[in-house]
Structures are given as C-alpha cells and as structure tokens.
Amino acid sequence: MATIYDDLRSFGTDLPTLGQVIGLDLGAKTIGVAVSDPGRMIASPLETIARTKFTLDAEKLFAIMTSRRCVGLVLGLPMNMDGTEGPRAQATRAFARNLAQRVEVPIALWDERLSTAAVERLMISFDTSRKRRAETVDKLAAAYILQGALDRLSALRRQPDAENGSQAEP
C-alpha cells in the first residue's frame, strides 16, 4: 500500500534519486495525465483519460505507470480559494486512498487552485479554438500541476538544512 503525502518534503524523501513522476488532474469526466522526465525537471502533458469506473480508470493509470516506470504520483488537490477543502477535494482524497491500496509508489497531493483557469487563459492568449482547448486542457492542467510540484521539490532540495547548514534533501 502506498503512502499519501500532503507535504512535498516528505514525499520527496520517499522518492528514488531518478525516475519519472506522473501528475494527475482529476475531473468529474476526465483525468488529465502528465509525466516528468527521469530527472524530474520538466513536466509534459501525456494524455486525457475519459473516466468510467474507478477500476477501469485505475487499470489505464497502471498501464501508464508501468510503461513509464513511474516512481511517484502527484494528484492535483482542488482547494477552495480560502484554503478549505470542498467536495471536489474530498473526492480527490478518496481517489488517492483507493489508488494507494493498489499501487506501491508514493502519492502526493498538491494544491492545484486555479490550474485549469491558468491553462485556459494561456490557451486563449494563443488564440486556441474552443474545441482544441476542450481536447487538451486536462492534460495541460496535469502538466501545470506536476511542474509546480517538481519546481517545489527542486527548491526544497536546494534549501539549506537549518540545523547543520548543509543542503537538505526533499
């Protein structure tokens, strides 16, 4: 059974030095999927999975995780603007708990407030058609979420450890 982390520092200490991390943007109808490079510097959109039943959705995710030799998962946690958790955040936590019973890799929950809105604004600024935005927004939002988590993990690795002045590992 996998461990679920709300804290990226703890999640980072549970990861091997190298290996791809997969990011997920969970929606009611789709799951956006993104993947990092093995050095975990860059997140790239991968695909969008149409949601059906949890078991079928999980099988599709397992296939991706296996083919990519995934070492960790980052799930976007849709927090309310005031920092509280609403029904969507609770549904994401339930998805993470169900997934944790079936996978061995650590799972991190990462605050994804406004990620889809940010991606939508960017796509509109590039004059992307409404149809094209609908086709790609979920996997791009997953990449946006994953990149935020990767950037934070990188920053945590560079932070000096307060106790001994050395570089802290995430």
C-alpha atoms as a PDB file:
ATOM      1  CA  MET A   1       0.000   0.000   0.000  1.00  0.00           C
ATOM      2  CA  ALA A   2       1.300   3.426  -0.967  1.00  0.00           C
ATOM      3  CA  THR A   3       1.728   6.362   1.378  1.00  0.00           C
ATOM      4  CA  ILE A   4      -0.225   9.559   0.664  1.00  0.00           C
ATOM      5  CA  TYR A   5       1.562  12.828   1.439  1.00  0.00           C
ATOM      6  CA  ASP A   6       0.192  16.321   1.945  1.00  0.00           C
ATOM      7  CA  ASP A   7       3.791  17.503   2.415  1.00  0.00           C
ATOM      8  CA  LEU A   8       6.119  17.555  -0.613  1.00  0.00           C
ATOM      9  CA  ARG A   9       9.258  17.418   1.526  1.00  0.00           C
ATOM     10  CA  SER A  10       8.215  14.033   2.939  1.00  0.00           C
ATOM     11  CA  PHE A  11       7.078  12.856  -0.495  1.00  0.00           C
ATOM     12  CA  GLY A  12      10.479  13.807  -1.937  1.00  0.00           C
ATOM     13  CA  THR A  13      12.367  11.800   0.675  1.00  0.00           C
ATOM     14  CA  ASP A  14      10.324   8.734  -0.323  1.00  0.00           C
ATOM     15  CA  LEU A  15      11.340   9.018  -3.994  1.00  0.00           C
ATOM     16  CA  PRO A  16      14.451   7.447  -5.532  1.00  0.00           C
ATOM     17  CA  THR A  17      17.025   9.863  -6.951  1.00  0.00           C
ATOM     18  CA  LEU A  18      15.864   9.321 -10.539  1.00  0.00           C
ATOM     19  CA  GLY A  19      12.621   8.204 -12.121  1.00  0.00           C
ATOM     20  CA  GLN A  20       9.521   9.611 -13.718  1.00  0.00           C
ATOM     21  CA  VAL A  21       6.685  11.063 -11.690  1.00  0.00           C
ATOM     22  CA  ILE A  22       3.175  11.166 -13.101  1.00  0.00           C
ATOM     23  CA  GLY A  23       0.833  14.091 -12.471  1.00  0.00           C
ATOM     24  CA  LEU A  24      -2.943  13.796 -12.493  1.00  0.00           C
ATOM     25  CA  ASP A  25      -5.675  16.398 -12.841  1.00  0.00           C
ATOM     26  CA  LEU A  26      -8.850  14.649 -11.683  1.00  0.00           C
ATOM     27  CA  GLY A  27     -12.076  15.910 -13.141  1.00  0.00           C
ATOM     28  CA  ALA A  28     -15.602  14.584 -12.958  1.00  0.00           C
ATOM     29  CA  LYS A  29     -15.459  13.321 -16.555  1.00  0.00           C
ATOM     30  CA  THR A  30     -11.749  13.067 -17.356  1.00  0.00           C
ATOM     31  CA  ILE A  31      -8.309  12.551 -15.844  1.00  0.00           C
ATOM     32  CA  GLY A  32      -5.530  14.661 -17.296  1.00  0.00           C
ATOM     33  CA  VAL A  33      -2.193  12.841 -17.236  1.00  0.00           C
ATOM     34  CA  ALA A  34       1.293  14.365 -17.398  1.00  0.00           C
ATOM     35  CA  VAL A  35       4.739  12.864 -16.929  1.00  0.00           C
ATOM     36  CA  SER A  36       8.116  14.180 -15.829  1.00  0.00           C
ATOM     37  CA  ASP A  37      11.486  13.383 -17.300  1.00  0.00           C
ATOM     38  CA  PRO A  38      13.546  10.878 -15.214  1.00  0.00           C
ATOM     39  CA  GLY A  39      15.492  13.755 -13.594  1.00  0.00           C
ATOM     40  CA  ARG A  40      12.182  15.394 -12.614  1.00  0.00           C
ATOM     41  CA  MET A  41      12.931  18.798 -14.115  1.00  0.00           C
ATOM     42  CA  ILE A  42      10.221  19.122 -16.783  1.00  0.00           C
ATOM     43  CA  ALA A  43       6.572  18.054 -16.860  1.00  0.00           C
ATOM     44  CA  SER A  44       4.982  17.193 -20.193  1.00  0.00           C
ATOM     45  CA  PRO A  45       1.315  16.596 -20.986  1.00  0.00           C
ATOM     46  CA  LEU A  46       0.681  12.964 -21.900  1.00  0.00           C
ATOM     47  CA  GLU A  47      -2.989  12.136 -22.384  1.00  0.00           C
ATOM     48  CA  THR A  48      -6.538  12.535 -21.174  1.00  0.00           C
ATOM     49  CA  ILE A  49      -8.436   9.527 -19.849  1.00  0.00           C
ATOM     50  CA  ALA A  50     -12.223   9.529 -20.099  1.00  0.00           C
ATOM     51  CA  ARG A  51     -13.477   8.488 -16.669  1.00  0.00           C
ATOM     52  CA  THR A  52     -15.696   5.450 -16.297  1.00  0.00           C
ATOM     53  CA  LYS A  53     -15.466   3.278 -13.180  1.00  0.00           C
ATOM     54  CA  PHE A  54     -12.608   3.565 -10.716  1.00  0.00           C
ATOM     55  CA  THR A  55     -11.348   0.056 -11.508  1.00  0.00           C
ATOM     56  CA  LEU A  56     -11.156   0.757 -15.253  1.00  0.00           C
ATOM     57  CA  ASP A  57      -9.613   4.186 -14.688  1.00  0.00           C
ATOM     58  CA  ALA A  58      -7.027   2.622 -12.344  1.00  0.00           C
ATOM     59  CA  GLU A  59      -6.147  -0.048 -14.930  1.00  0.00           C
ATOM     60  CA  LYS A  60      -5.407   2.667 -17.505  1.00  0.00           C
ATOM     61  CA  LEU A  61      -3.263   4.523 -14.957  1.00  0.00           C
ATOM     62  CA  PHE A  62      -1.397   1.311 -14.016  1.00  0.00           C
ATOM     63  CA  ALA A  63      -0.590   0.695 -17.680  1.00  0.00           C
ATOM     64  CA  ILE A  64       0.864   4.207 -17.975  1.00  0.00           C
ATOM     65  CA  MET A  65       2.730   3.862 -14.675  1.00  0.00           C
ATOM     66  CA  THR A  66       4.234   0.537 -15.737  1.00  0.00           C
ATOM     67  CA  SER A  67       5.256   1.681 -19.217  1.00  0.00           C
ATOM     68  CA  ARG A  68       6.877   4.826 -17.767  1.00  0.00           C
ATOM     69  CA  ARG A  69       8.439   3.038 -14.765  1.00  0.00           C
ATOM     70  CA  CYS A  70       6.717   5.592 -12.554  1.00  0.00           C
ATOM     71  CA  VAL A  71       8.278   6.191  -9.111  1.00  0.00           C
ATOM     72  CA  GLY A  72       5.624   8.558  -7.739  1.00  0.00           C
ATOM     73  CA  LEU A  73       2.284  10.243  -8.365  1.00  0.00           C
ATOM     74  CA  VAL A  74       1.214  13.857  -7.861  1.00  0.00           C
ATOM     75  CA  LEU A  75      -2.533  14.455  -7.710  1.00  0.00           C
ATOM     76  CA  GLY A  76      -3.903  17.952  -8.007  1.00  0.00           C
ATOM     77  CA  LEU A  77      -5.936  18.776  -4.890  1.00  0.00           C
ATOM     78  CA  PRO A  78      -8.657  21.319  -5.773  1.00  0.00           C
ATOM     79  CA  MET A  79      -8.702  23.570  -2.723  1.00  0.00           C
ATOM     80  CA  ASN A  80     -11.203  26.385  -2.255  1.00  0.00           C
ATOM     81  CA  MET A  81      -9.822  29.898  -2.604  1.00  0.00           C
ATOM     82  CA  ASP A  82      -9.987  30.368   1.178  1.00  0.00           C
ATOM     83  CA  GLY A  83      -7.788  27.286   1.711  1.00  0.00           C
ATOM     84  CA  THR A  84     -10.572  24.966   2.826  1.00  0.00           C
ATOM     85  CA  GLU A  85     -11.437  21.666   1.210  1.00  0.00           C
ATOM     86  CA  GLY A  86     -14.769  21.235  -0.513  1.00  0.00           C
ATOM     87  CA  PRO A  87     -16.464  18.235  -2.137  1.00  0.00           C
ATOM     88  CA  ARG A  88     -14.017  18.092  -5.068  1.00  0.00           C
ATOM     89  CA  ALA A  89     -11.025  17.936  -2.709  1.00  0.00           C
ATOM     90  CA  GLN A  90     -12.738  15.223  -0.688  1.00  0.00           C
ATOM     91  CA  ALA A  91     -13.380  13.243  -3.901  1.00  0.00           C
ATOM     92  CA  THR A  92      -9.688  13.593  -4.825  1.00  0.00           C
ATOM     93  CA  ARG A  93      -8.629  12.338  -1.390  1.00  0.00           C
ATOM     94  CA  ALA A  94     -10.976   9.352  -1.781  1.00  0.00           C
ATOM     95  CA  PHE A  95      -9.493   8.616  -5.231  1.00  0.00           C
ATOM     96  CA  ALA A  96      -5.985   8.808  -3.724  1.00  0.00           C
ATOM     97  CA  ARG A  97      -6.948   6.422  -0.884  1.00  0.00           C
ATOM     98  CA  ASN A  98      -8.411   3.911  -3.350  1.00  0.00           C
ATOM     99  CA  LEU A  99      -5.368   4.195  -5.612  1.00  0.00           C
ATOM    100  CA  ALA A 100      -2.963   3.837  -2.661  1.00  0.00           C
ATOM    101  CA  GLN A 101      -4.421   0.410  -1.923  1.00  0.00           C
ATOM    102  CA  ARG A 102      -3.421  -0.757  -5.402  1.00  0.00           C
ATOM    103  CA  VAL A 103      -0.008   0.851  -6.040  1.00  0.00           C
ATOM    104  CA  GLU A 104       3.380   0.797  -4.340  1.00  0.00           C
ATOM    105  CA  VAL A 105       4.629   4.281  -5.307  1.00  0.00           C
ATOM    106  CA  PRO A 106       4.206   7.313  -3.018  1.00  0.00           C
ATOM    107  CA  ILE A 107       1.349   9.704  -3.779  1.00  0.00           C
ATOM    108  CA  ALA A 108       1.488  13.461  -3.153  1.00  0.00           C
ATOM    109  CA  LEU A 109      -1.474  15.804  -3.024  1.00  0.00           C
ATOM    110  CA  TRP A 110      -0.579  19.220  -4.445  1.00  0.00           C
ATOM    111  CA  ASP A 111      -2.744  22.353  -4.185  1.00  0.00           C
ATOM    112  CA  GLU A 112      -3.990  22.998  -7.702  1.00  0.00           C
ATOM    113  CA  ARG A 113      -6.056  26.126  -7.166  1.00  0.00           C
ATOM    114  CA  LEU A 114      -6.700  27.852 -10.475  1.00  0.00           C
ATOM    115  CA  SER A 115      -4.524  25.485 -12.526  1.00  0.00           C
ATOM    116  CA  THR A 116      -7.203  24.813 -15.126  1.00  0.00           C
ATOM    117  CA  ALA A 117      -8.096  28.515 -15.256  1.00  0.00           C
ATOM    118  CA  ALA A 118      -4.422  29.435 -15.776  1.00  0.00           C
ATOM    119  CA  VAL A 119      -4.083  26.915 -18.604  1.00  0.00           C
ATOM    120  CA  GLU A 120      -7.339  28.119 -20.192  1.00  0.00           C
ATOM    121  CA  ARG A 121      -6.129  31.750 -20.097  1.00  0.00           C
ATOM    122  CA  LEU A 122      -2.840  30.764 -21.697  1.00  0.00           C
ATOM    123  CA  MET A 123      -4.585  28.820 -24.448  1.00  0.00           C
ATOM    124  CA  ILE A 124      -6.944  31.736 -25.122  1.00  0.00           C
ATOM    125  CA  SER A 125      -3.958  34.097 -25.344  1.00  0.00           C
ATOM    126  CA  PHE A 126      -2.565  31.802 -28.058  1.00  0.00           C
ATOM    127  CA  ASP A 127      -5.926  32.034 -29.847  1.00  0.00           C
ATOM    128  CA  THR A 128      -6.590  28.309 -29.427  1.00  0.00           C
ATOM    129  CA  SER A 129     -10.030  27.286 -30.656  1.00  0.00           C
ATOM    130  CA  ARG A 130     -12.670  26.339 -28.111  1.00  0.00           C
ATOM    131  CA  LYS A 131     -12.747  22.780 -29.493  1.00  0.00           C
ATOM    132  CA  ARG A 132      -8.957  22.399 -29.237  1.00  0.00           C
ATOM    133  CA  ARG A 133      -8.982  23.830 -25.691  1.00  0.00           C
ATOM    134  CA  ALA A 134     -11.596  21.258 -24.646  1.00  0.00           C
ATOM    135  CA  GLU A 135      -9.459  18.444 -26.109  1.00  0.00           C
ATOM    136  CA  THR A 136      -6.221  19.440 -24.378  1.00  0.00           C
ATOM    137  CA  VAL A 137      -6.965  21.434 -21.226  1.00  0.00           C
ATOM    138  CA  ASP A 138      -6.978  18.450 -18.835  1.00  0.00           C
ATOM    139  CA  LYS A 139      -3.576  17.046 -19.791  1.00  0.00           C
ATOM    140  CA  LEU A 140      -2.122  20.571 -19.895  1.00  0.00           C
ATOM    141  CA  ALA A 141      -3.558  21.256 -16.426  1.00  0.00           C
ATOM    142  CA  ALA A 142      -1.954  17.991 -15.233  1.00  0.00           C
ATOM    143  CA  ALA A 143       1.395  19.213 -16.614  1.00  0.00           C
ATOM    144  CA  TYR A 144       0.902  22.597 -14.897  1.00  0.00           C
ATOM    145  CA  ILE A 145       0.171  20.843 -11.579  1.00  0.00           C
ATOM    146  CA  LEU A 146       3.111  18.458 -11.947  1.00  0.00           C
ATOM    147  CA  GLN A 147       5.516  21.255 -12.932  1.00  0.00           C
ATOM    148  CA  GLY A 148       4.530  23.220  -9.821  1.00  0.00           C
ATOM    149  CA  ALA A 149       5.259  20.197  -7.643  1.00  0.00           C
ATOM    150  CA  LEU A 150       8.564  19.489  -9.451  1.00  0.00           C
ATOM    151  CA  ASP A 151       9.652  23.115  -9.005  1.00  0.00           C
ATOM    152  CA  ARG A 152       8.833  22.944  -5.291  1.00  0.00           C
ATOM    153  CA  LEU A 153      10.728  19.649  -4.896  1.00  0.00           C
ATOM    154  CA  SER A 154      13.735  21.242  -6.601  1.00  0.00           C
ATOM    155  CA  ALA A 155      13.564  24.272  -4.299  1.00  0.00           C
ATOM    156  CA  LEU A 156      13.339  22.021  -1.238  1.00  0.00           C
ATOM    157  CA  ARG A 157      16.488  20.171  -2.330  1.00  0.00           C
ATOM    158  CA  ARG A 158      18.358  23.490  -2.544  1.00  0.00           C
ATOM    159  CA  GLN A 159      17.211  24.821   0.844  1.00  0.00           C
ATOM    160  CA  PRO A 160      19.931  24.685   3.488  1.00  0.00           C
ATOM    161  CA  ASP A 161      19.134  22.477   6.432  1.00  0.00           C
ATOM    162  CA  ALA A 162      18.647  24.865   9.376  1.00  0.00           C
ATOM    163  CA  GLU A 163      20.302  22.542  11.896  1.00  0.00           C
ATOM    164  CA  ASN A 164      23.670  21.985  10.232  1.00  0.00           C
ATOM    165  CA  GLY A 165      23.887  24.414   7.301  1.00  0.00           C
ATOM    166  CA  SER A 166      24.085  21.602   4.747  1.00  0.00           C
ATOM    167  CA  GLN A 167      21.855  21.130   1.736  1.00  0.00           C
ATOM    168  CA  ALA A 168      18.605  19.448   2.738  1.00  0.00           C
ATOM    169  CA  GLU A 169      17.173  16.619   0.716  1.00  0.00           C
ATOM    170  CA  PRO A 170      13.417  16.812  -0.023  1.00  0.00           C
END
